[in-house]
Amino acid sequence: MEEESALRFPGKKPVRGCGPGHPAVMLIGEAPGAREVEAGRPFAGPAGKNLDEFLQATGLSREALYISNVVKIRPCETGPTGRTRNRPPSREEIGFFLPYLEKEIAWLRPKLLVTLGNTPLKALFAPGASVGALHGQRLESRLGIPLFCLYHPASVIYNRTLAKVYQADMRTLASFISQHHLI
């Protein structure tokens, strides 16, 4: 992946997923941000801090989960102030990296996929899907693996009213994992 990625997206360092081999649960985000590229692992920045807090509150351990992203490079742009900022991944970026994510999932063989935000939900469930309509629900991914839909942890940073919704969804997820003896 690194060679093909470097040719297609010069100067962009891919961030691989991390966690145990053959995990029961795999969390999938959108794409790495600046902190994730710097750390070389997914969810290392502010969204990762939120994710860790929600996991801890529900008794789930990051160490028991495999965490990855649909897009493995940081999609960014220069803002009006001249600073580099994150942007949603393009169709080209998603199209390029989706086969790598599918191979990653096939190799890991998780029993449950947890999508964090719209990009992974659309990639693994249905192109027209919306996390706003499906959050907190167990669905069937197009790969035949059960899927649980959550808002992206960063959404709580930008919209504090989602904190209680996110907590409730995480409790539902933790209950599902416990009932099905996944962890």
N, C-alpha and C. Protein backbone atom coordinates (compact mmCIF):
# COMPACT_ATOMS: atom_id res chain seq x y z
N MET A 1 0.81 -1.18 0.00
CA MET A 1 0.00 0.00 0.00
C MET A 1 0.86 1.26 0.00
N GLU A 2 1.94 1.28 0.77
CA GLU A 2 2.75 2.49 0.88
C GLU A 2 3.29 2.96 -0.46
N GLU A 3 3.78 2.02 -1.28
CA GLU A 3 4.35 2.40 -2.58
C GLU A 3 3.28 2.98 -3.50
N GLU A 4 2.14 2.29 -3.59
CA GLU A 4 1.06 2.77 -4.45
C GLU A 4 0.53 4.10 -3.95
N SER A 5 0.41 4.24 -2.62
CA SER A 5 -0.08 5.47 -2.02
C SER A 5 0.88 6.63 -2.31
N ALA A 6 2.19 6.37 -2.18
CA ALA A 6 3.19 7.42 -2.43
C ALA A 6 3.16 7.89 -3.88
N LEU A 7 2.89 6.97 -4.81
CA LEU A 7 2.79 7.35 -6.21
C LEU A 7 1.53 8.16 -6.49
N ARG A 8 0.43 7.76 -5.89
CA ARG A 8 -0.86 8.41 -6.12
C ARG A 8 -1.01 9.71 -5.34
N PHE A 9 -0.46 9.74 -4.12
CA PHE A 9 -0.58 10.90 -3.23
C PHE A 9 0.80 11.28 -2.71
N PRO A 10 1.65 11.87 -3.55
CA PRO A 10 3.03 12.19 -3.16
C PRO A 10 3.08 13.07 -1.91
N GLY A 11 4.02 12.75 -1.05
CA GLY A 11 4.22 13.53 0.17
C GLY A 11 3.28 13.20 1.30
N LYS A 12 2.37 12.28 1.09
CA LYS A 12 1.40 11.90 2.13
C LYS A 12 1.83 10.59 2.77
N LYS A 13 1.98 10.61 4.08
CA LYS A 13 2.40 9.43 4.82
C LYS A 13 1.15 8.64 5.28
N PRO A 14 1.02 7.38 4.84
CA PRO A 14 -0.15 6.60 5.29
C PRO A 14 -0.05 6.21 6.76
N VAL A 15 -1.20 6.12 7.39
CA VAL A 15 -1.31 5.69 8.78
C VAL A 15 -2.06 4.36 8.78
N ARG A 16 -1.39 3.32 9.21
CA ARG A 16 -2.00 1.98 9.26
C ARG A 16 -2.86 1.84 10.51
N GLY A 17 -3.75 0.84 10.45
CA GLY A 17 -4.55 0.51 11.62
C GLY A 17 -3.67 -0.12 12.70
N CYS A 18 -4.21 -0.20 13.91
CA CYS A 18 -3.45 -0.83 14.99
C CYS A 18 -4.40 -1.53 15.96
N GLY A 19 -3.85 -2.53 16.61
CA GLY A 19 -4.62 -3.31 17.57
C GLY A 19 -4.25 -4.76 17.45
N PRO A 20 -4.94 -5.60 18.19
CA PRO A 20 -4.63 -7.04 18.16
C PRO A 20 -4.98 -7.68 16.83
N GLY A 21 -4.25 -8.73 16.48
CA GLY A 21 -4.59 -9.51 15.28
C GLY A 21 -5.86 -10.29 15.54
N HIS A 22 -6.71 -10.40 14.57
CA HIS A 22 -7.98 -11.12 14.66
C HIS A 22 -8.82 -10.67 15.86
N PRO A 23 -9.11 -9.36 15.93
CA PRO A 23 -9.93 -8.84 17.03
C PRO A 23 -11.40 -9.18 16.83
N ALA A 24 -12.14 -9.20 17.89
CA ALA A 24 -13.59 -9.41 17.77
C ALA A 24 -14.27 -8.15 17.24
N VAL A 25 -13.72 -6.98 17.59
CA VAL A 25 -14.34 -5.71 17.22
C VAL A 25 -13.31 -4.82 16.53
N MET A 26 -13.74 -4.23 15.39
CA MET A 26 -12.89 -3.32 14.64
C MET A 26 -13.61 -1.99 14.50
N LEU A 27 -12.97 -0.91 14.97
CA LEU A 27 -13.49 0.44 14.82
C LEU A 27 -12.89 1.05 13.57
N ILE A 28 -13.73 1.73 12.78
CA ILE A 28 -13.26 2.30 11.51
C ILE A 28 -13.68 3.76 11.42
N GLY A 29 -12.68 4.63 11.33
CA GLY A 29 -12.93 6.06 11.19
C GLY A 29 -12.81 6.50 9.75
N GLU A 30 -12.75 7.80 9.57
CA GLU A 30 -12.73 8.40 8.25
C GLU A 30 -11.32 8.44 7.66
N ALA A 31 -10.42 9.17 8.33
CA ALA A 31 -9.05 9.37 7.85
C ALA A 31 -8.23 9.98 8.98
N PRO A 32 -6.91 9.83 8.93
CA PRO A 32 -6.09 10.43 9.98
C PRO A 32 -6.03 11.95 9.87
N GLY A 33 -5.81 12.58 11.00
CA GLY A 33 -5.54 14.02 11.05
C GLY A 33 -4.05 14.23 11.27
N ALA A 34 -3.67 15.46 11.55
CA ALA A 34 -2.26 15.81 11.72
C ALA A 34 -1.61 15.04 12.88
N ARG A 35 -2.31 14.94 14.01
CA ARG A 35 -1.75 14.23 15.17
C ARG A 35 -1.57 12.74 14.89
N GLU A 36 -2.50 12.17 14.14
CA GLU A 36 -2.42 10.75 13.80
C GLU A 36 -1.23 10.48 12.88
N VAL A 37 -1.01 11.36 11.92
CA VAL A 37 0.14 11.21 11.02
C VAL A 37 1.43 11.32 11.84
N GLU A 38 1.47 12.29 12.73
CA GLU A 38 2.65 12.49 13.60
C GLU A 38 2.91 11.27 14.48
N ALA A 39 1.84 10.72 15.08
CA ALA A 39 1.97 9.57 15.99
C ALA A 39 2.09 8.25 15.24
N GLY A 40 1.61 8.21 14.00
CA GLY A 40 1.65 6.97 13.23
C GLY A 40 0.59 5.96 13.61
N ARG A 41 -0.50 6.44 14.24
CA ARG A 41 -1.58 5.54 14.62
C ARG A 41 -2.92 6.30 14.60
N PRO A 42 -4.01 5.58 14.36
CA PRO A 42 -5.32 6.23 14.30
C PRO A 42 -5.79 6.75 15.66
N PHE A 43 -6.55 7.80 15.62
CA PHE A 43 -7.19 8.39 16.80
C PHE A 43 -6.19 8.71 17.91
N ALA A 44 -5.17 9.48 17.55
CA ALA A 44 -4.16 9.91 18.51
C ALA A 44 -4.36 11.36 18.95
N GLY A 45 -5.26 12.09 18.29
CA GLY A 45 -5.50 13.50 18.58
C GLY A 45 -6.70 13.70 19.47
N PRO A 46 -7.32 14.89 19.39
CA PRO A 46 -8.48 15.21 20.22
C PRO A 46 -9.65 14.23 20.05
N ALA A 47 -9.92 13.79 18.82
CA ALA A 47 -11.00 12.81 18.62
C ALA A 47 -10.66 11.50 19.32
N GLY A 48 -9.38 11.13 19.32
CA GLY A 48 -8.94 9.93 20.03
C GLY A 48 -9.12 10.05 21.52
N LYS A 49 -8.89 11.25 22.04
CA LYS A 49 -9.09 11.48 23.48
C LYS A 49 -10.57 11.28 23.81
N ASN A 50 -11.46 11.84 22.98
CA ASN A 50 -12.90 11.62 23.18
C ASN A 50 -13.25 10.14 23.11
N LEU A 51 -12.71 9.47 22.11
CA LEU A 51 -12.98 8.04 21.95
C LEU A 51 -12.54 7.28 23.19
N ASP A 52 -11.34 7.56 23.69
CA ASP A 52 -10.84 6.88 24.89
C ASP A 52 -11.75 7.11 26.09
N GLU A 53 -12.24 8.35 26.25
CA GLU A 53 -13.14 8.66 27.38
C GLU A 53 -14.45 7.88 27.26
N PHE A 54 -15.01 7.81 26.06
CA PHE A 54 -16.26 7.07 25.87
C PHE A 54 -16.03 5.57 26.07
N LEU A 55 -14.91 5.06 25.58
CA LEU A 55 -14.61 3.64 25.78
C LEU A 55 -14.47 3.33 27.26
N GLN A 56 -13.71 4.17 27.97
CA GLN A 56 -13.49 3.95 29.40
C GLN A 56 -14.81 3.98 30.17
N ALA A 57 -15.68 4.91 29.82
CA ALA A 57 -16.97 5.03 30.51
C ALA A 57 -17.85 3.81 30.30
N THR A 58 -17.64 3.07 29.23
CA THR A 58 -18.46 1.89 28.97
C THR A 58 -17.73 0.59 29.30
N GLY A 59 -16.50 0.71 29.82
CA GLY A 59 -15.76 -0.49 30.22
C GLY A 59 -15.06 -1.19 29.07
N LEU A 60 -15.03 -0.57 27.89
CA LEU A 60 -14.32 -1.17 26.77
C LEU A 60 -12.88 -0.67 26.76
N SER A 61 -11.97 -1.51 26.36
CA SER A 61 -10.55 -1.17 26.34
C SER A 61 -10.07 -1.00 24.91
N ARG A 62 -9.37 0.08 24.66
CA ARG A 62 -8.81 0.32 23.32
C ARG A 62 -7.88 -0.83 22.93
N GLU A 63 -7.19 -1.39 23.89
CA GLU A 63 -6.24 -2.48 23.62
C GLU A 63 -6.91 -3.73 23.09
N ALA A 64 -8.21 -3.90 23.36
CA ALA A 64 -8.94 -5.08 22.88
C ALA A 64 -9.53 -4.88 21.49
N LEU A 65 -9.44 -3.65 20.98
CA LEU A 65 -10.06 -3.30 19.71
C LEU A 65 -9.01 -3.02 18.64
N TYR A 66 -9.36 -3.28 17.40
CA TYR A 66 -8.51 -2.88 16.28
C TYR A 66 -9.12 -1.60 15.73
N ILE A 67 -8.28 -0.59 15.49
CA ILE A 67 -8.78 0.70 15.02
C ILE A 67 -8.07 1.08 13.73
N SER A 68 -8.86 1.48 12.75
CA SER A 68 -8.32 1.84 11.44
C SER A 68 -9.16 2.97 10.85
N ASN A 69 -8.87 3.31 9.61
CA ASN A 69 -9.61 4.34 8.87
C ASN A 69 -9.89 3.86 7.46
N VAL A 70 -10.90 4.42 6.84
CA VAL A 70 -11.18 4.13 5.43
C VAL A 70 -10.02 4.64 4.59
N VAL A 71 -9.70 5.92 4.73
CA VAL A 71 -8.61 6.55 4.00
C VAL A 71 -7.39 6.55 4.91
N LYS A 72 -6.25 6.15 4.38
CA LYS A 72 -5.05 5.97 5.20
C LYS A 72 -4.12 7.19 5.21
N ILE A 73 -4.44 8.23 4.43
CA ILE A 73 -3.63 9.46 4.43
C ILE A 73 -4.48 10.60 4.97
N ARG A 74 -3.82 11.68 5.36
CA ARG A 74 -4.53 12.84 5.86
C ARG A 74 -5.04 13.68 4.69
N PRO A 75 -6.37 13.78 4.52
CA PRO A 75 -6.90 14.69 3.52
C PRO A 75 -6.91 16.10 4.11
N CYS A 76 -6.22 17.01 3.47
CA CYS A 76 -6.12 18.37 4.01
C CYS A 76 -6.11 19.40 2.90
N GLU A 77 -6.29 20.63 3.31
CA GLU A 77 -6.30 21.77 2.39
C GLU A 77 -5.77 22.98 3.14
N THR A 78 -5.44 24.01 2.40
CA THR A 78 -5.00 25.26 3.00
C THR A 78 -6.21 26.15 3.16
N GLY A 79 -6.43 26.60 4.38
CA GLY A 79 -7.58 27.46 4.68
C GLY A 79 -7.30 28.91 4.32
N PRO A 80 -8.28 29.76 4.51
CA PRO A 80 -8.14 31.17 4.16
C PRO A 80 -7.04 31.90 4.93
N THR A 81 -6.71 31.39 6.12
CA THR A 81 -5.65 32.01 6.92
C THR A 81 -4.27 31.47 6.56
N GLY A 82 -4.22 30.52 5.62
CA GLY A 82 -2.94 29.93 5.22
C GLY A 82 -2.55 28.71 6.02
N ARG A 83 -3.37 28.33 6.99
CA ARG A 83 -3.09 27.13 7.79
C ARG A 83 -3.62 25.89 7.09
N THR A 84 -2.92 24.78 7.30
CA THR A 84 -3.38 23.51 6.77
C THR A 84 -4.45 22.96 7.71
N ARG A 85 -5.55 22.51 7.12
CA ARG A 85 -6.64 21.96 7.94
C ARG A 85 -7.17 20.69 7.28
N ASN A 86 -7.81 19.86 8.10
CA ASN A 86 -8.41 18.63 7.59
C ASN A 86 -9.60 18.98 6.70
N ARG A 87 -9.91 18.07 5.78
CA ARG A 87 -11.10 18.18 4.95
C ARG A 87 -11.65 16.76 4.78
N PRO A 88 -12.91 16.63 4.39
CA PRO A 88 -13.43 15.29 4.14
C PRO A 88 -12.66 14.63 2.99
N PRO A 89 -12.49 13.32 3.05
CA PRO A 89 -11.81 12.63 1.96
C PRO A 89 -12.58 12.78 0.65
N SER A 90 -11.84 12.83 -0.45
CA SER A 90 -12.45 12.92 -1.78
C SER A 90 -12.90 11.52 -2.22
N ARG A 91 -13.73 11.48 -3.25
CA ARG A 91 -14.14 10.20 -3.82
C ARG A 91 -12.93 9.43 -4.31
N GLU A 92 -11.97 10.15 -4.89
CA GLU A 92 -10.75 9.51 -5.39
C GLU A 92 -9.99 8.84 -4.23
N GLU A 93 -9.84 9.54 -3.12
CA GLU A 93 -9.13 8.99 -1.97
C GLU A 93 -9.86 7.78 -1.40
N ILE A 94 -11.17 7.89 -1.25
CA ILE A 94 -11.95 6.76 -0.74
C ILE A 94 -11.86 5.58 -1.70
N GLY A 95 -12.03 5.85 -2.99
CA GLY A 95 -11.96 4.78 -3.99
C GLY A 95 -10.60 4.09 -4.02
N PHE A 96 -9.54 4.85 -3.81
CA PHE A 96 -8.20 4.26 -3.81
C PHE A 96 -7.97 3.38 -2.58
N PHE A 97 -8.38 3.85 -1.41
CA PHE A 97 -8.06 3.14 -0.17
C PHE A 97 -9.09 2.08 0.24
N LEU A 98 -10.31 2.13 -0.28
CA LEU A 98 -11.33 1.16 0.13
C LEU A 98 -10.91 -0.29 -0.09
N PRO A 99 -10.28 -0.64 -1.22
CA PRO A 99 -9.83 -2.03 -1.37
C PRO A 99 -8.82 -2.45 -0.29
N TYR A 100 -7.98 -1.52 0.17
CA TYR A 100 -7.03 -1.84 1.23
C TYR A 100 -7.76 -2.08 2.54
N LEU A 101 -8.79 -1.28 2.83
CA LEU A 101 -9.59 -1.50 4.03
C LEU A 101 -10.28 -2.85 3.95
N GLU A 102 -10.84 -3.19 2.80
CA GLU A 102 -11.52 -4.48 2.65
C GLU A 102 -10.55 -5.64 2.86
N LYS A 103 -9.32 -5.51 2.37
CA LYS A 103 -8.31 -6.56 2.60
C LYS A 103 -7.94 -6.63 4.08
N GLU A 104 -7.84 -5.47 4.72
CA GLU A 104 -7.53 -5.42 6.15
C GLU A 104 -8.63 -6.14 6.95
N ILE A 105 -9.88 -5.88 6.61
CA ILE A 105 -11.00 -6.53 7.29
C ILE A 105 -10.98 -8.03 7.02
N ALA A 106 -10.74 -8.43 5.79
CA ALA A 106 -10.69 -9.86 5.45
C ALA A 106 -9.58 -10.58 6.21
N TRP A 107 -8.44 -9.92 6.36
CA TRP A 107 -7.32 -10.52 7.08
C TRP A 107 -7.62 -10.62 8.57
N LEU A 108 -8.21 -9.57 9.15
CA LEU A 108 -8.48 -9.53 10.59
C LEU A 108 -9.66 -10.41 11.01
N ARG A 109 -10.64 -10.55 10.14
CA ARG A 109 -11.85 -11.33 10.41
C ARG A 109 -12.57 -10.91 11.71
N PRO A 110 -12.85 -9.61 11.88
CA PRO A 110 -13.58 -9.21 13.09
C PRO A 110 -15.01 -9.72 13.06
N LYS A 111 -15.60 -9.86 14.24
CA LYS A 111 -16.99 -10.30 14.33
C LYS A 111 -17.96 -9.12 14.28
N LEU A 112 -17.44 -7.91 14.53
CA LEU A 112 -18.26 -6.70 14.52
C LEU A 112 -17.43 -5.53 14.01
N LEU A 113 -18.01 -4.78 13.07
CA LEU A 113 -17.42 -3.54 12.58
C LEU A 113 -18.17 -2.38 13.24
N VAL A 114 -17.43 -1.39 13.72
CA VAL A 114 -18.04 -0.20 14.30
C VAL A 114 -17.60 0.99 13.47
N THR A 115 -18.56 1.60 12.77
CA THR A 115 -18.22 2.75 11.93
C THR A 115 -18.32 4.02 12.76
N LEU A 116 -17.34 4.88 12.60
CA LEU A 116 -17.27 6.15 13.32
C LEU A 116 -17.44 7.28 12.31
N GLY A 117 -18.68 7.68 12.08
CA GLY A 117 -18.97 8.76 11.14
C GLY A 117 -19.52 8.28 9.81
N ASN A 118 -19.83 9.24 8.96
CA ASN A 118 -20.49 8.95 7.68
C ASN A 118 -19.60 8.25 6.67
N THR A 119 -18.32 8.63 6.58
CA THR A 119 -17.47 8.05 5.55
C THR A 119 -17.38 6.52 5.67
N PRO A 120 -17.06 5.96 6.83
CA PRO A 120 -17.02 4.49 6.90
C PRO A 120 -18.40 3.86 6.78
N LEU A 121 -19.44 4.53 7.28
CA LEU A 121 -20.80 3.99 7.15
C LEU A 121 -21.18 3.86 5.68
N LYS A 122 -20.92 4.90 4.91
CA LYS A 122 -21.25 4.87 3.48
C LYS A 122 -20.40 3.84 2.73
N ALA A 123 -19.14 3.72 3.13
CA ALA A 123 -18.23 2.78 2.46
C ALA A 123 -18.58 1.33 2.74
N LEU A 124 -19.06 1.03 3.95
CA LEU A 124 -19.28 -0.36 4.35
C LEU A 124 -20.74 -0.78 4.45
N PHE A 125 -21.65 0.18 4.37
CA PHE A 125 -23.07 -0.16 4.46
C PHE A 125 -23.81 0.22 3.18
N ALA A 126 -23.96 1.52 2.94
CA ALA A 126 -24.67 1.97 1.73
C ALA A 126 -24.28 3.41 1.43
N PRO A 127 -24.05 3.74 0.16
CA PRO A 127 -23.61 5.09 -0.20
C PRO A 127 -24.53 6.21 0.27
N GLY A 128 -25.82 5.98 0.35
CA GLY A 128 -26.75 7.03 0.78
C GLY A 128 -27.02 7.06 2.27
N ALA A 129 -26.35 6.22 3.04
CA ALA A 129 -26.61 6.11 4.48
C ALA A 129 -26.17 7.37 5.21
N SER A 130 -26.82 7.63 6.33
CA SER A 130 -26.49 8.79 7.17
C SER A 130 -26.38 8.37 8.63
N VAL A 131 -25.28 8.75 9.26
CA VAL A 131 -25.09 8.41 10.66
C VAL A 131 -26.18 9.07 11.52
N GLY A 132 -26.67 10.22 11.11
CA GLY A 132 -27.74 10.89 11.85
C GLY A 132 -29.00 10.05 11.95
N ALA A 133 -29.26 9.25 10.92
CA ALA A 133 -30.45 8.40 10.91
C ALA A 133 -30.19 7.01 11.50
N LEU A 134 -28.93 6.56 11.48
CA LEU A 134 -28.65 5.16 11.83
C LEU A 134 -27.79 4.97 13.08
N HIS A 135 -27.35 6.05 13.72
CA HIS A 135 -26.46 5.91 14.89
C HIS A 135 -27.12 5.06 15.98
N GLY A 136 -26.27 4.30 16.65
CA GLY A 136 -26.75 3.46 17.75
C GLY A 136 -27.44 2.18 17.31
N GLN A 137 -27.41 1.89 16.01
CA GLN A 137 -28.09 0.72 15.49
C GLN A 137 -27.11 -0.34 15.00
N ARG A 138 -27.55 -1.58 15.11
CA ARG A 138 -26.80 -2.71 14.56
C ARG A 138 -27.36 -2.96 13.17
N LEU A 139 -26.46 -3.00 12.19
CA LEU A 139 -26.84 -3.20 10.79
C LEU A 139 -26.03 -4.36 10.24
N GLU A 140 -26.22 -4.68 8.99
CA GLU A 140 -25.41 -5.70 8.32
C GLU A 140 -24.58 -5.00 7.25
N SER A 141 -23.26 -5.10 7.35
CA SER A 141 -22.39 -4.45 6.37
C SER A 141 -22.51 -5.15 5.03
N ARG A 142 -22.10 -4.49 3.97
CA ARG A 142 -22.14 -5.11 2.64
C ARG A 142 -21.11 -6.23 2.53
N LEU A 143 -20.25 -6.39 3.54
CA LEU A 143 -19.27 -7.47 3.57
C LEU A 143 -19.81 -8.69 4.31
N GLY A 144 -21.05 -8.60 4.82
CA GLY A 144 -21.65 -9.72 5.53
C GLY A 144 -21.25 -9.80 6.99
N ILE A 145 -20.65 -8.75 7.52
CA ILE A 145 -20.23 -8.69 8.92
C ILE A 145 -21.16 -7.71 9.63
N PRO A 146 -21.65 -8.04 10.83
CA PRO A 146 -22.48 -7.09 11.56
C PRO A 146 -21.74 -5.76 11.74
N LEU A 147 -22.51 -4.68 11.69
CA LEU A 147 -21.96 -3.34 11.76
C LEU A 147 -22.75 -2.53 12.78
N PHE A 148 -22.05 -1.78 13.59
CA PHE A 148 -22.69 -0.90 14.56
C PHE A 148 -22.29 0.52 14.19
N CYS A 149 -23.25 1.40 14.07
CA CYS A 149 -23.03 2.77 13.58
C CYS A 149 -22.96 3.77 14.74
N LEU A 150 -21.86 4.53 14.77
CA LEU A 150 -21.68 5.60 15.76
C LEU A 150 -21.31 6.91 15.05
N TYR A 151 -21.61 8.02 15.71
CA TYR A 151 -21.07 9.30 15.26
C TYR A 151 -19.55 9.23 15.39
N HIS A 152 -18.86 10.06 14.65
CA HIS A 152 -17.41 10.17 14.80
C HIS A 152 -17.14 10.85 16.14
N PRO A 153 -16.13 10.42 16.90
CA PRO A 153 -15.85 11.05 18.19
C PRO A 153 -15.59 12.55 18.10
N ALA A 154 -15.10 13.04 16.96
CA ALA A 154 -14.86 14.47 16.79
C ALA A 154 -16.16 15.26 16.73
N SER A 155 -17.26 14.60 16.37
CA SER A 155 -18.54 15.32 16.26
C SER A 155 -18.93 15.95 17.59
N VAL A 156 -18.53 15.30 18.70
CA VAL A 156 -18.85 15.83 20.02
C VAL A 156 -18.05 17.10 20.30
N ILE A 157 -16.87 17.21 19.71
CA ILE A 157 -16.06 18.42 19.87
C ILE A 157 -16.77 19.61 19.24
N TYR A 158 -17.37 19.39 18.07
CA TYR A 158 -18.01 20.47 17.33
C TYR A 158 -19.47 20.69 17.71
N ASN A 159 -20.10 19.68 18.31
CA ASN A 159 -21.50 19.78 18.68
C ASN A 159 -21.69 19.11 20.04
N ARG A 160 -21.53 19.86 21.10
CA ARG A 160 -21.58 19.32 22.47
C ARG A 160 -22.93 18.67 22.79
N THR A 161 -23.99 19.03 22.07
CA THR A 161 -25.29 18.43 22.35
C THR A 161 -25.31 16.94 21.99
N LEU A 162 -24.33 16.49 21.20
CA LEU A 162 -24.25 15.07 20.84
C LEU A 162 -23.63 14.21 21.94
N ALA A 163 -23.06 14.81 22.97
CA ALA A 163 -22.37 14.05 24.01
C ALA A 163 -23.28 13.00 24.65
N LYS A 164 -24.49 13.37 25.02
CA LYS A 164 -25.41 12.41 25.66
C LYS A 164 -25.85 11.32 24.68
N VAL A 165 -26.06 11.70 23.43
CA VAL A 165 -26.41 10.73 22.39
C VAL A 165 -25.27 9.74 22.21
N TYR A 166 -24.04 10.26 22.16
CA TYR A 166 -22.87 9.41 21.98
C TYR A 166 -22.71 8.46 23.16
N GLN A 167 -22.90 8.97 24.38
CA GLN A 167 -22.80 8.12 25.57
C GLN A 167 -23.84 7.00 25.52
N ALA A 168 -25.06 7.33 25.14
CA ALA A 168 -26.12 6.31 25.06
C ALA A 168 -25.78 5.28 23.99
N ASP A 169 -25.28 5.74 22.83
CA ASP A 169 -24.91 4.81 21.76
C ASP A 169 -23.76 3.90 22.20
N MET A 170 -22.80 4.45 22.93
CA MET A 170 -21.67 3.64 23.42
C MET A 170 -22.15 2.60 24.42
N ARG A 171 -23.11 2.96 25.27
CA ARG A 171 -23.67 1.98 26.21
C ARG A 171 -24.39 0.86 25.45
N THR A 172 -25.12 1.22 24.40
CA THR A 172 -25.80 0.21 23.57
C THR A 172 -24.77 -0.71 22.92
N LEU A 173 -23.69 -0.12 22.40
CA LEU A 173 -22.62 -0.91 21.80
C LEU A 173 -21.99 -1.85 22.83
N ALA A 174 -21.65 -1.32 24.00
CA ALA A 174 -21.04 -2.14 25.05
C ALA A 174 -21.96 -3.29 25.45
N SER A 175 -23.25 -3.02 25.53
CA SER A 175 -24.22 -4.06 25.88
C SER A 175 -24.28 -5.12 24.79
N PHE A 176 -24.28 -4.71 23.53
CA PHE A 176 -24.28 -5.66 22.40
C PHE A 176 -23.04 -6.53 22.45
N ILE A 177 -21.88 -5.92 22.68
CA ILE A 177 -20.63 -6.67 22.74
C ILE A 177 -20.67 -7.67 23.90
N SER A 178 -21.19 -7.25 25.03
CA SER A 178 -21.27 -8.13 26.19
C SER A 178 -22.26 -9.28 25.96
N GLN A 179 -23.44 -8.97 25.44
CA GLN A 179 -24.47 -9.98 25.20
C GLN A 179 -24.00 -11.05 24.21
N HIS A 180 -23.18 -10.66 23.25
CA HIS A 180 -22.70 -11.58 22.23
C HIS A 180 -21.30 -12.13 22.54
N HIS A 181 -20.81 -11.82 23.76
CA HIS A 181 -19.52 -12.34 24.24
C HIS A 181 -18.39 -12.07 23.23
N LEU A 182 -18.35 -10.85 22.71
CA LEU A 182 -17.33 -10.51 21.71
C LEU A 182 -16.00 -10.16 22.35
N ILE A 183 -16.04 -9.60 23.55
CA ILE A 183 -14.79 -9.24 24.25
C ILE A 183 -14.86 -9.80 25.66
